[in-house]
PDB file of N, CA and C in Angstrom:
ATOM      1  N   MET A   1      -7.040  16.600   1.501  1.00  0.00           N
ATOM      2  CA  MET A   1      -7.410  15.462   1.465  1.00  0.00           C
ATOM      3  C   MET A   1      -8.478  14.622   1.410  1.00  0.00           C
ATOM      4  N   LYS A   2      -9.085  13.464   0.692  1.00  0.00           N
ATOM      5  CA  LYS A   2     -10.413  13.354   1.222  1.00  0.00           C
ATOM      6  C   LYS A   2     -10.289  12.780   2.394  1.00  0.00           C
ATOM      7  N   ASN A   3     -11.575  12.270   3.245  1.00  0.00           N
ATOM      8  CA  ASN A   3     -11.452  11.579   4.501  1.00  0.00           C
ATOM      9  C   ASN A   3     -10.755  10.299   4.365  1.00  0.00           C
ATOM     10  N   ILE A   4      -9.758  10.411   5.270  1.00  0.00           N
ATOM     11  CA  ILE A   4      -8.695   9.220   5.372  1.00  0.00           C
ATOM     12  C   ILE A   4      -9.337   7.903   5.467  1.00  0.00           C
ATOM     13  N   LYS A   5     -10.370   7.513   6.220  1.00  0.00           N
ATOM     14  CA  LYS A   5     -11.154   6.372   6.342  1.00  0.00           C
ATOM     15  C   LYS A   5     -11.845   5.810   4.824  1.00  0.00           C
ATOM     16  N   GLN A   6     -12.591   6.950   4.181  1.00  0.00           N
ATOM     17  CA  GLN A   6     -13.011   6.635   2.637  1.00  0.00           C
ATOM     18  C   GLN A   6     -11.969   6.188   2.122  1.00  0.00           C
ATOM     19  N   LEU A   7     -10.844   7.218   2.211  1.00  0.00           N
ATOM     20  CA  LEU A   7      -9.657   6.954   0.943  1.00  0.00           C
ATOM     21  C   LEU A   7      -9.454   5.161   1.091  1.00  0.00           C
ATOM     22  N   LEU A   8      -8.922   4.934   2.567  1.00  0.00           N
ATOM     23  CA  LEU A   8      -8.471   3.714   2.409  1.00  0.00           C
ATOM     24  C   LEU A   8      -9.491   2.816   2.152  1.00  0.00           C
ATOM     25  N   TRP A   9     -10.756   2.935   2.668  1.00  0.00           N
ATOM     26  CA  TRP A   9     -11.749   1.672   2.014  1.00  0.00           C
ATOM     27  C   TRP A   9     -11.879   1.856   0.350  1.00  0.00           C
ATOM     28  N   TRP A  10     -11.709   3.246  -0.129  1.00  0.00           N
ATOM     29  CA  TRP A  10     -11.787   2.680  -1.936  1.00  0.00           C
ATOM     30  C   TRP A  10     -10.466   1.903  -2.255  1.00  0.00           C
ATOM     31  N   LEU A  11      -9.402   2.418  -1.371  1.00  0.00           N
ATOM     32  CA  LEU A  11      -7.982   2.199  -2.191  1.00  0.00           C
ATOM     33  C   LEU A  11      -7.818   0.110  -1.543  1.00  0.00           C
ATOM     34  N   ILE A  12      -8.462   0.016  -0.535  1.00  0.00           N
ATOM     35  CA  ILE A  12      -8.373  -1.409   0.205  1.00  0.00           C
ATOM     36  C   ILE A  12      -9.303  -2.366  -0.491  1.00  0.00           C
ATOM     37  N   ALA A  13     -10.588  -1.993   0.162  1.00  0.00           N
ATOM     38  CA  ALA A  13     -11.888  -2.672   0.013  1.00  0.00           C
ATOM     39  C   ALA A  13     -12.651  -2.433  -1.864  1.00  0.00           C
ATOM     40  N   GLY A  14     -12.491  -1.550  -1.970  1.00  0.00           N
ATOM     41  CA  GLY A  14     -13.367  -0.985  -3.572  1.00  0.00           C
ATOM     42  C   GLY A  14     -12.668  -0.988  -4.732  1.00  0.00           C
ATOM     43  N   SER A  15     -11.300  -1.584  -4.660  1.00  0.00           N
ATOM     44  CA  SER A  15     -10.763  -1.649  -5.865  1.00  0.00           C
ATOM     45  C   SER A  15      -9.869  -3.249  -6.074  1.00  0.00           C
ATOM     46  N   GLU A  16      -9.888  -3.508  -6.988  1.00  0.00           N
ATOM     47  CA  GLU A  16      -8.947  -4.888  -7.580  1.00  0.00           C
ATOM     48  C   GLU A  16      -7.949  -4.908  -7.013  1.00  0.00           C
ATOM     49  N   GLY A  17      -7.006  -3.827  -7.032  1.00  0.00           N
ATOM     50  CA  GLY A  17      -5.744  -4.023  -6.756  1.00  0.00           C
ATOM     51  C   GLY A  17      -5.294  -3.801  -4.878  1.00  0.00           C
ATOM     52  N   GLY A  18      -6.440  -4.084  -4.120  1.00  0.00           N
ATOM     53  CA  GLY A  18      -6.699  -3.377  -3.185  1.00  0.00           C
ATOM     54  C   GLY A  18      -5.717  -4.897  -1.977  1.00  0.00           C
ATOM     55  N   TYR A  19      -5.664  -5.605  -2.340  1.00  0.00           N
ATOM     56  CA  TYR A  19      -4.596  -6.538  -1.497  1.00  0.00           C
ATOM     57  C   TYR A  19      -3.078  -6.153  -1.646  1.00  0.00           C
ATOM     58  N   ASN A  20      -2.651  -6.098  -3.134  1.00  0.00           N
ATOM     59  CA  ASN A  20      -1.553  -5.640  -3.158  1.00  0.00           C
ATOM     60  C   ASN A  20      -0.901  -4.481  -2.800  1.00  0.00           C
ATOM     61  N   ARG A  21      -1.964  -3.150  -2.448  1.00  0.00           N
ATOM     62  CA  ARG A  21      -1.642  -2.207  -2.024  1.00  0.00           C
ATOM     63  C   ARG A  21      -1.242  -2.460  -0.321  1.00  0.00           C
ATOM     64  N   THR A  22      -2.310  -3.254   0.352  1.00  0.00           N
ATOM     65  CA  THR A  22      -2.213  -3.410   1.361  1.00  0.00           C
ATOM     66  C   THR A  22      -1.242  -4.362   1.739  1.00  0.00           C
ATOM     67  N   GLN A  23      -0.719  -5.172   1.044  1.00  0.00           N
ATOM     68  CA  GLN A  23       0.678  -5.888   1.394  1.00  0.00           C
ATOM     69  C   GLN A  23       2.149  -4.923   1.291  1.00  0.00           C
ATOM     70  N   ILE A  24       2.037  -3.991   0.274  1.00  0.00           N
ATOM     71  CA  ILE A  24       2.775  -2.874   0.319  1.00  0.00           C
ATOM     72  C   ILE A  24       2.968  -2.034   1.683  1.00  0.00           C
ATOM     73  N   ILE A  25       1.568  -1.632   1.957  1.00  0.00           N
ATOM     74  CA  ILE A  25       1.621  -0.540   3.146  1.00  0.00           C
ATOM     75  C   ILE A  25       2.222  -0.976   4.281  1.00  0.00           C
ATOM     76  N   HIS A  26       1.948  -2.670   4.333  1.00  0.00           N
ATOM     77  CA  HIS A  26       2.193  -3.521   5.978  1.00  0.00           C
ATOM     78  C   HIS A  26       3.944  -3.511   5.880  1.00  0.00           C
ATOM     79  N   VAL A  27       4.699  -3.876   4.287  1.00  0.00           N
ATOM     80  CA  VAL A  27       5.761  -3.836   4.006  1.00  0.00           C
ATOM     81  C   VAL A  27       6.671  -2.437   4.620  1.00  0.00           C
ATOM     82  N   LEU A  28       5.662  -1.274   3.810  1.00  0.00           N
ATOM     83  CA  LEU A  28       6.724  -0.293   4.354  1.00  0.00           C
ATOM     84  C   LEU A  28       6.462   0.541   5.707  1.00  0.00           C
ATOM     85  N   ASN A  29       5.436  -0.280   6.246  1.00  0.00           N
ATOM     86  CA  ASN A  29       5.446   0.233   7.982  1.00  0.00           C
ATOM     87  C   ASN A  29       6.331  -0.271   8.830  1.00  0.00           C
ATOM     88  N   ASP A  30       7.099  -1.498   7.949  1.00  0.00           N
ATOM     89  CA  ASP A  30       8.351  -2.186   8.896  1.00  0.00           C
ATOM     90  C   ASP A  30       9.568  -1.452   8.489  1.00  0.00           C
ATOM     91  N   ARG A  31       9.676  -1.089   7.365  1.00  0.00           N
ATOM     92  CA  ARG A  31      10.918  -0.351   7.071  1.00  0.00           C
ATOM     93  C   ARG A  31      10.588   0.197   5.151  1.00  0.00           C
ATOM     94  N   PRO A  32      11.413   1.204   5.331  1.00  0.00           N
ATOM     95  CA  PRO A  32      10.869   1.957   3.788  1.00  0.00           C
ATOM     96  C   PRO A  32      11.881   0.706   2.867  1.00  0.00           C
ATOM     97  N   CYS A  33      11.546   0.833   1.566  1.00  0.00           N
ATOM     98  CA  CYS A  33      12.038  -0.030   0.401  1.00  0.00           C
ATOM     99  C   CYS A  33      11.813   0.473  -0.877  1.00  0.00           C
ATOM    100  N   ASN A  34      12.521   0.495  -1.605  1.00  0.00           N
ATOM    101  CA  ASN A  34      12.768   1.118  -3.139  1.00  0.00           C
ATOM    102  C   ASN A  34      11.661  -0.019  -3.759  1.00  0.00           C
ATOM    103  N   ALA A  35      11.062   0.278  -5.364  1.00  0.00           N
ATOM    104  CA  ALA A  35      10.311  -0.531  -5.841  1.00  0.00           C
ATOM    105  C   ALA A  35      10.856  -2.115  -6.361  1.00  0.00           C
ATOM    106  N   ASN A  36      12.043  -2.293  -6.467  1.00  0.00           N
ATOM    107  CA  ASN A  36      12.620  -3.343  -6.625  1.00  0.00           C
ATOM    108  C   ASN A  36      12.437  -4.327  -5.511  1.00  0.00           C
ATOM    109  N   GLN A  37      13.185  -3.641  -4.102  1.00  0.00           N
ATOM    110  CA  GLN A  37      13.311  -4.609  -3.068  1.00  0.00           C
ATOM    111  C   GLN A  37      11.204  -5.024  -2.667  1.00  0.00           C
ATOM    112  N   LEU A  38      10.483  -4.245  -3.067  1.00  0.00           N
ATOM    113  CA  LEU A  38       9.159  -4.338  -2.762  1.00  0.00           C
ATOM    114  C   LEU A  38       9.118  -5.464  -3.751  1.00  0.00           C
ATOM    115  N   ALA A  39       9.344  -5.534  -4.741  1.00  0.00           N
ATOM    116  CA  ALA A  39       8.745  -6.543  -5.805  1.00  0.00           C
ATOM    117  C   ALA A  39       9.694  -8.005  -5.368  1.00  0.00           C
ATOM    118  N   LYS A  40      10.770  -7.819  -5.032  1.00  0.00           N
ATOM    119  CA  LYS A  40      11.562  -9.431  -4.775  1.00  0.00           C
ATOM    120  C   LYS A  40      10.672  -9.645  -3.378  1.00  0.00           C
ATOM    121  N   LYS A  41      10.015  -9.000  -2.245  1.00  0.00           N
ATOM    122  CA  LYS A  41       9.807  -9.441  -0.946  1.00  0.00           C
ATOM    123  C   LYS A  41       8.090  -9.642  -1.468  1.00  0.00           C
ATOM    124  N   LEU A  42       7.644  -9.134  -2.204  1.00  0.00           N
ATOM    125  CA  LEU A  42       6.632  -9.709  -2.423  1.00  0.00           C
ATOM    126  C   LEU A  42       6.150 -10.322  -3.518  1.00  0.00           C
ATOM    127  N   LYS A  43       7.303 -10.571  -4.253  1.00  0.00           N
ATOM    128  CA  LYS A  43       6.777 -11.562  -5.246  1.00  0.00           C
ATOM    129  C   LYS A  43       6.208 -11.409  -6.517  1.00  0.00           C
ATOM    130  N   LEU A  44       5.964  -9.908  -6.784  1.00  0.00           N
ATOM    131  CA  LEU A  44       5.252  -9.488  -7.779  1.00  0.00           C
ATOM    132  C   LEU A  44       6.038  -8.885  -8.689  1.00  0.00           C
ATOM    133  N   ASP A  45       5.135  -8.926  -9.758  1.00  0.00           N
ATOM    134  CA  ASP A  45       6.238  -7.932 -10.938  1.00  0.00           C
ATOM    135  C   ASP A  45       6.319  -6.508 -10.837  1.00  0.00           C
ATOM    136  N   TYR A  46       7.701  -6.022 -11.140  1.00  0.00           N
ATOM    137  CA  TYR A  46       7.989  -4.797 -10.985  1.00  0.00           C
ATOM    138  C   TYR A  46       6.942  -3.604 -11.239  1.00  0.00           C
ATOM    139  N   LYS A  47       6.511  -3.884 -12.334  1.00  0.00           N
ATOM    140  CA  LYS A  47       5.805  -3.139 -13.062  1.00  0.00           C
ATOM    141  C   LYS A  47       4.471  -3.128 -12.363  1.00  0.00           C
ATOM    142  N   THR A  48       3.830  -4.121 -11.742  1.00  0.00           N
ATOM    143  CA  THR A  48       2.592  -3.677 -10.677  1.00  0.00           C
ATOM    144  C   THR A  48       2.703  -2.994  -9.348  1.00  0.00           C
ATOM    145  N   ILE A  49       4.083  -3.414  -8.957  1.00  0.00           N
ATOM    146  CA  ILE A  49       4.279  -2.417  -7.915  1.00  0.00           C
ATOM    147  C   ILE A  49       4.584  -1.066  -8.499  1.00  0.00           C
ATOM    148  N   ARG A  50       5.023  -0.854  -9.109  1.00  0.00           N
ATOM    149  CA  ARG A  50       5.166   0.624  -9.401  1.00  0.00           C
ATOM    150  C   ARG A  50       3.764   1.727  -9.773  1.00  0.00           C
ATOM    151  N   HIS A  51       3.100   0.394 -10.320  1.00  0.00           N
ATOM    152  CA  HIS A  51       1.826   1.023 -10.623  1.00  0.00           C
ATOM    153  C   HIS A  51       1.251   1.100  -9.101  1.00  0.00           C
ATOM    154  N   HIS A  52       1.111   0.347  -8.311  1.00  0.00           N
ATOM    155  CA  HIS A  52       0.385   0.439  -6.794  1.00  0.00           C
ATOM    156  C   HIS A  52       1.246   1.495  -6.050  1.00  0.00           C
ATOM    157  N   LEU A  53       2.650   1.799  -6.056  1.00  0.00           N
ATOM    158  CA  LEU A  53       2.901   2.827  -5.417  1.00  0.00           C
ATOM    159  C   LEU A  53       2.641   4.261  -6.035  1.00  0.00           C
ATOM    160  N   ASP A  54       2.471   4.236  -7.665  1.00  0.00           N
ATOM    161  CA  ASP A  54       2.113   5.621  -7.608  1.00  0.00           C
ATOM    162  C   ASP A  54       0.415   5.685  -7.366  1.00  0.00           C
ATOM    163  N   VAL A  55      -0.346   4.952  -7.224  1.00  0.00           N
ATOM    164  CA  VAL A  55      -1.920   5.443  -6.571  1.00  0.00           C
ATOM    165  C   VAL A  55      -1.542   5.478  -5.165  1.00  0.00           C
ATOM    166  N   LEU A  56      -0.697   5.013  -4.581  1.00  0.00           N
ATOM    167  CA  LEU A  56      -0.436   5.235  -3.257  1.00  0.00           C
ATOM    168  C   LEU A  56       0.191   6.319  -2.770  1.00  0.00           C
ATOM    169  N   THR A  57       0.819   6.925  -3.878  1.00  0.00           N
ATOM    170  CA  THR A  57       1.642   8.308  -3.602  1.00  0.00           C
ATOM    171  C   THR A  57       0.874   9.256  -4.229  1.00  0.00           C
ATOM    172  N   LYS A  58      -0.204   9.342  -5.154  1.00  0.00           N
ATOM    173  CA  LYS A  58      -0.931  10.168  -5.797  1.00  0.00           C
ATOM    174  C   LYS A  58      -2.179  10.277  -4.810  1.00  0.00           C
ATOM    175  N   ASN A  59      -2.359   9.069  -4.035  1.00  0.00           N
ATOM    176  CA  ASN A  59      -3.122   9.805  -2.553  1.00  0.00           C
ATOM    177  C   ASN A  59      -3.011   9.511  -1.677  1.00  0.00           C
ATOM    178  N   ASN A  60      -1.503  10.337  -1.484  1.00  0.00           N
ATOM    179  CA  ASN A  60      -0.674  10.753  -0.227  1.00  0.00           C
ATOM    180  C   ASN A  60      -1.031   9.914   0.757  1.00  0.00           C
ATOM    181  N   LEU A  61      -0.549   8.680   0.379  1.00  0.00           N
ATOM    182  CA  LEU A  61      -0.500   7.357   1.684  1.00  0.00           C
ATOM    183  C   LEU A  61       0.931   7.372   1.757  1.00  0.00           C
ATOM    184  N   LEU A  62       1.411   7.114   0.703  1.00  0.00           N
ATOM    185  CA  LEU A  62       3.142   7.253   0.801  1.00  0.00           C
ATOM    186  C   LEU A  62       3.622   8.611   0.281  1.00  0.00           C
ATOM    187  N   THR A  63       4.926   8.667   1.244  1.00  0.00           N
ATOM    188  CA  THR A  63       5.868   9.595   0.583  1.00  0.00           C
ATOM    189  C   THR A  63       7.253   8.870  -0.129  1.00  0.00           C
ATOM    190  N   PHE A  64       8.349   9.932  -0.670  1.00  0.00           N
ATOM    191  CA  PHE A  64       9.508   8.950  -1.075  1.00  0.00           C
ATOM    192  C   PHE A  64      10.405  10.279  -1.512  1.00  0.00           C
ATOM    193  N   THR A  65      11.574   9.594  -1.149  1.00  0.00           N
ATOM    194  CA  THR A  65      12.926  10.493  -1.240  1.00  0.00           C
ATOM    195  C   THR A  65      14.270   9.993  -2.256  1.00  0.00           C
ATOM    196  N   GLY A  66      14.424  10.774  -3.054  1.00  0.00           N
ATOM    197  CA  GLY A  66      15.595  10.037  -3.483  1.00  0.00           C
ATOM    198  C   GLY A  66      14.877  10.156  -5.363  1.00  0.00           C
ATOM    199  N   SER A  67      15.556   9.347  -6.317  1.00  0.00           N
ATOM    200  CA  SER A  67      14.976   9.711  -7.630  1.00  0.00           C
ATOM    201  C   SER A  67      15.178   8.354  -8.459  1.00  0.00           C
ATOM    202  N   LYS A  68      14.333   8.005  -9.437  1.00  0.00           N
ATOM    203  CA  LYS A  68      14.655   6.869 -10.167  1.00  0.00           C
ATOM    204  C   LYS A  68      14.419   5.474  -9.650  1.00  0.00           C
ATOM    205  N   TYR A  69      15.735   4.720  -9.774  1.00  0.00           N
ATOM    206  CA  TYR A  69      15.679   3.373  -9.237  1.00  0.00           C
ATOM    207  C   TYR A  69      16.224   3.247  -7.741  1.00  0.00           C
ATOM    208  N   GLY A  70      16.629   4.495  -7.445  1.00  0.00           N
ATOM    209  CA  GLY A  70      17.091   4.447  -5.856  1.00  0.00           C
ATOM    210  C   GLY A  70      15.637   5.289  -5.234  1.00  0.00           C
ATOM    211  N   LYS A  71      14.670   5.322  -5.415  1.00  0.00           N
ATOM    212  CA  LYS A  71      13.602   6.289  -4.937  1.00  0.00           C
ATOM    213  C   LYS A  71      12.968   4.867  -3.848  1.00  0.00           C
ATOM    214  N   MET A  72      13.207   5.783  -2.514  1.00  0.00           N
ATOM    215  CA  MET A  72      12.634   4.726  -1.276  1.00  0.00           C
ATOM    216  C   MET A  72      11.687   5.408  -0.863  1.00  0.00           C
ATOM    217  N   TYR A  73      10.367   4.821  -0.636  1.00  0.00           N
ATOM    218  CA  TYR A  73       8.887   4.869  -0.254  1.00  0.00           C
ATOM    219  C   TYR A  73       9.164   4.775   1.289  1.00  0.00           C
ATOM    220  N   PHE A  74       8.306   5.636   1.816  1.00  0.00           N
ATOM    221  CA  PHE A  74       7.952   5.842   3.382  1.00  0.00           C
ATOM    222  C   PHE A  74       6.335   5.793   3.399  1.00  0.00           C
ATOM    223  N   ILE A  75       5.798   5.282   4.638  1.00  0.00           N
ATOM    224  CA  ILE A  75       4.180   5.736   4.724  1.00  0.00           C
ATOM    225  C   ILE A  75       4.274   6.940   4.883  1.00  0.00           C
ATOM    226  N   SER A  76       3.094   7.521   4.368  1.00  0.00           N
ATOM    227  CA  SER A  76       3.200   9.169   4.802  1.00  0.00           C
ATOM    228  C   SER A  76       2.808   9.031   6.428  1.00  0.00           C
ATOM    229  N   SER A  77       2.881  11.204   6.974  1.00  0.00           N
ATOM    230  CA  SER A  77       2.423  10.938   7.987  1.00  0.00           C
ATOM    231  C   SER A  77       0.826  10.789   7.987  1.00  0.00           C
ATOM    232  N   PRO A  78      -0.309  11.318   7.497  1.00  0.00           N
ATOM    233  CA  PRO A  78      -1.211  11.148   7.695  1.00  0.00           C
ATOM    234  C   PRO A  78      -1.543   9.362   7.621  1.00  0.00           C
ATOM    235  N   LEU A  79      -0.948   8.690   6.819  1.00  0.00           N
ATOM    236  CA  LEU A  79      -1.300   7.177   6.828  1.00  0.00           C
ATOM    237  C   LEU A  79      -1.001   6.599   8.379  1.00  0.00           C
ATOM    238  N   GLU A  80       0.217   7.213   8.504  1.00  0.00           N
ATOM    239  CA  GLU A  80       1.157   6.836   9.892  1.00  0.00           C
ATOM    240  C   GLU A  80       0.015   7.261  11.144  1.00  0.00           C
ATOM    241  N   ASP A  81      -0.808   8.190  10.880  1.00  0.00           N
ATOM    242  CA  ASP A  81      -1.413   9.147  12.244  1.00  0.00           C
ATOM    243  C   ASP A  81      -2.528   8.365  12.110  1.00  0.00           C
ATOM    244  N   ASN A  82      -3.081   7.716  10.897  1.00  0.00           N
ATOM    245  CA  ASN A  82      -4.438   6.964  10.957  1.00  0.00           C
ATOM    246  C   ASN A  82      -3.974   5.352  10.833  1.00  0.00           C
ATOM    247  N   TYR A  83      -2.824   4.961  10.967  1.00  0.00           N
ATOM    248  CA  TYR A  83      -2.614   3.235  10.768  1.00  0.00           C
ATOM    249  C   TYR A  83      -3.764   1.979  11.240  1.00  0.00           C
ATOM    250  N   GLU A  84      -4.328   2.790  12.715  1.00  0.00           N
ATOM    251  CA  GLU A  84      -5.396   2.281  12.963  1.00  0.00           C
ATOM    252  C   GLU A  84      -6.910   1.866  12.240  1.00  0.00           C
ATOM    253  N   VAL A  85      -6.523   2.900  11.609  1.00  0.00           N
ATOM    254  CA  VAL A  85      -7.678   2.714  10.802  1.00  0.00           C
ATOM    255  C   VAL A  85      -7.717   1.966   9.684  1.00  0.00           C
ATOM    256  N   PHE A  86      -6.400   2.010   9.013  1.00  0.00           N
ATOM    257  CA  PHE A  86      -6.072   1.254   8.017  1.00  0.00           C
ATOM    258  C   PHE A  86      -6.221  -0.270   8.599  1.00  0.00           C
ATOM    259  N   GLU A  87      -5.308  -0.872   9.573  1.00  0.00           N
ATOM    260  CA  GLU A  87      -5.158  -2.038  10.354  1.00  0.00           C
ATOM    261  C   GLU A  87      -7.205  -2.580  10.534  1.00  0.00           C
ATOM    262  N   GLU A  88      -8.072  -1.263  10.859  1.00  0.00           N
ATOM    263  CA  GLU A  88      -9.245  -2.132  11.183  1.00  0.00           C
ATOM    264  C   GLU A  88     -10.064  -2.240   9.847  1.00  0.00           C
ATOM    265  N   ILE A  89      -9.826  -1.878   8.737  1.00  0.00           N
ATOM    266  CA  ILE A  89     -10.467  -2.053   7.632  1.00  0.00           C
ATOM    267  C   ILE A  89      -9.598  -3.263   7.070  1.00  0.00           C
ATOM    268  N   TRP A  90      -8.472  -3.655   7.076  1.00  0.00           N
ATOM    269  CA  TRP A  90      -7.839  -4.935   6.883  1.00  0.00           C
ATOM    270  C   TRP A  90      -8.434  -6.186   7.678  1.00  0.00           C
ATOM    271  N   GLU A  91      -8.553  -5.727   9.012  1.00  0.00           N
ATOM    272  CA  GLU A  91      -9.333  -6.809   9.968  1.00  0.00           C
ATOM    273  C   GLU A  91     -10.558  -7.290   9.295  1.00  0.00           C
ATOM    274  N   ARG A  92     -11.458  -6.063   8.798  1.00  0.00           N
ATOM    275  CA  ARG A  92     -12.796  -6.296   8.299  1.00  0.00           C
ATOM    276  C   ARG A  92     -12.823  -7.375   7.120  1.00  0.00           C
ATOM    277  N   ILE A  93     -11.693  -7.076   6.130  1.00  0.00           N
ATOM    278  CA  ILE A  93     -12.061  -7.302   5.131  1.00  0.00           C
ATOM    279  C   ILE A  93     -10.901  -8.554   4.618  1.00  0.00           C
ATOM    280  N   GLY A  94      -9.589  -8.487   5.504  1.00  0.00           N
ATOM    281  CA  GLY A  94      -8.611  -9.018   4.696  1.00  0.00           C
ATOM    282  C   GLY A  94      -8.565 -10.649   4.366  1.00  0.00           C
ATOM    283  N   LYS A  95      -9.371 -11.451   5.366  1.00  0.00           N
ATOM    284  CA  LYS A  95      -9.666 -12.896   5.322  1.00  0.00           C
ATOM    285  C   LYS A  95     -10.623 -12.955   3.880  1.00  0.00           C
ATOM    286  N   LYS A  96     -11.172 -12.358   3.542  1.00  0.00           N
ATOM    287  CA  LYS A  96     -11.634 -12.538   2.341  1.00  0.00           C
ATOM    288  C   LYS A  96     -11.056 -12.231   1.300  1.00  0.00           C
ATOM    289  N   LYS A  97     -10.165 -11.053   1.179  1.00  0.00           N
ATOM    290  CA  LYS A  97      -9.650 -10.823   0.050  1.00  0.00           C
ATOM    291  C   LYS A  97      -8.181 -11.883  -0.061  1.00  0.00           C
ATOM    292  N   ILE A  98      -7.952 -12.260   1.362  1.00  0.00           N
ATOM    293  CA  ILE A  98      -6.865 -13.334   1.195  1.00  0.00           C
ATOM    294  C   ILE A  98      -7.376 -14.900   0.419  1.00  0.00           C
ATOM    295  N   LYS A  99      -8.589 -15.124   0.605  1.00  0.00           N
ATOM    296  CA  LYS A  99      -9.302 -16.354   0.113  1.00  0.00           C
ATOM    297  C   LYS A  99      -9.586 -16.189  -1.542  1.00  0.00           C
ATOM    298  N   ASP A 100     -10.023 -14.907  -1.609  1.00  0.00           N
ATOM    299  CA  ASP A 100     -10.211 -14.476  -3.154  1.00  0.00           C
ATOM    300  C   ASP A 100      -8.855 -14.769  -4.134  1.00  0.00           C
ATOM    301  N   ASN A 101      -7.839 -14.450  -3.358  1.00  0.00           N
ATOM    302  CA  ASN A 101      -6.227 -14.224  -4.245  1.00  0.00           C
ATOM    303  C   ASN A 101      -6.023 -15.622  -4.072  1.00  0.00           C
ATOM    304  N   ASP A 102      -6.043 -16.683  -3.140  1.00  0.00           N
ATOM    305  CA  ASP A 102      -5.893 -18.064  -3.342  1.00  0.00           C
ATOM    306  C   ASP A 102      -6.665 -18.665  -4.198  1.00  0.00           C
ATOM    307  N   LYS A 103      -7.618 -18.357  -4.769  1.00  0.00           N
ATOM    308  CA  LYS A 103      -8.501 -19.238  -5.620  1.00  0.00           C
ATOM    309  C   LYS A 103      -7.789 -19.305  -7.262  1.00  0.00           C
TER     310      LYS A 103
END
């Protein structure tokens, strides 16, 4: 696995979907959800949520159990172990991302 800090910077700060991925991680840190639950909670299109879940899973930041529509997502052990790094990055860029998304 890539250095987790570098990976988080790239997935959160270095790409257009970083804000949505951050919101997904925050929700899943509180409790596991499926894609439909995330779409409703975050008021995002289901396909958008699925895309970001795939990106986060492919990069080993999320895990899942189950299949198809019932697939439940969880933050992975590497992300859980480095959650403070995730929060540090979000603190540094989060306010700017929120302002950019409100435009």
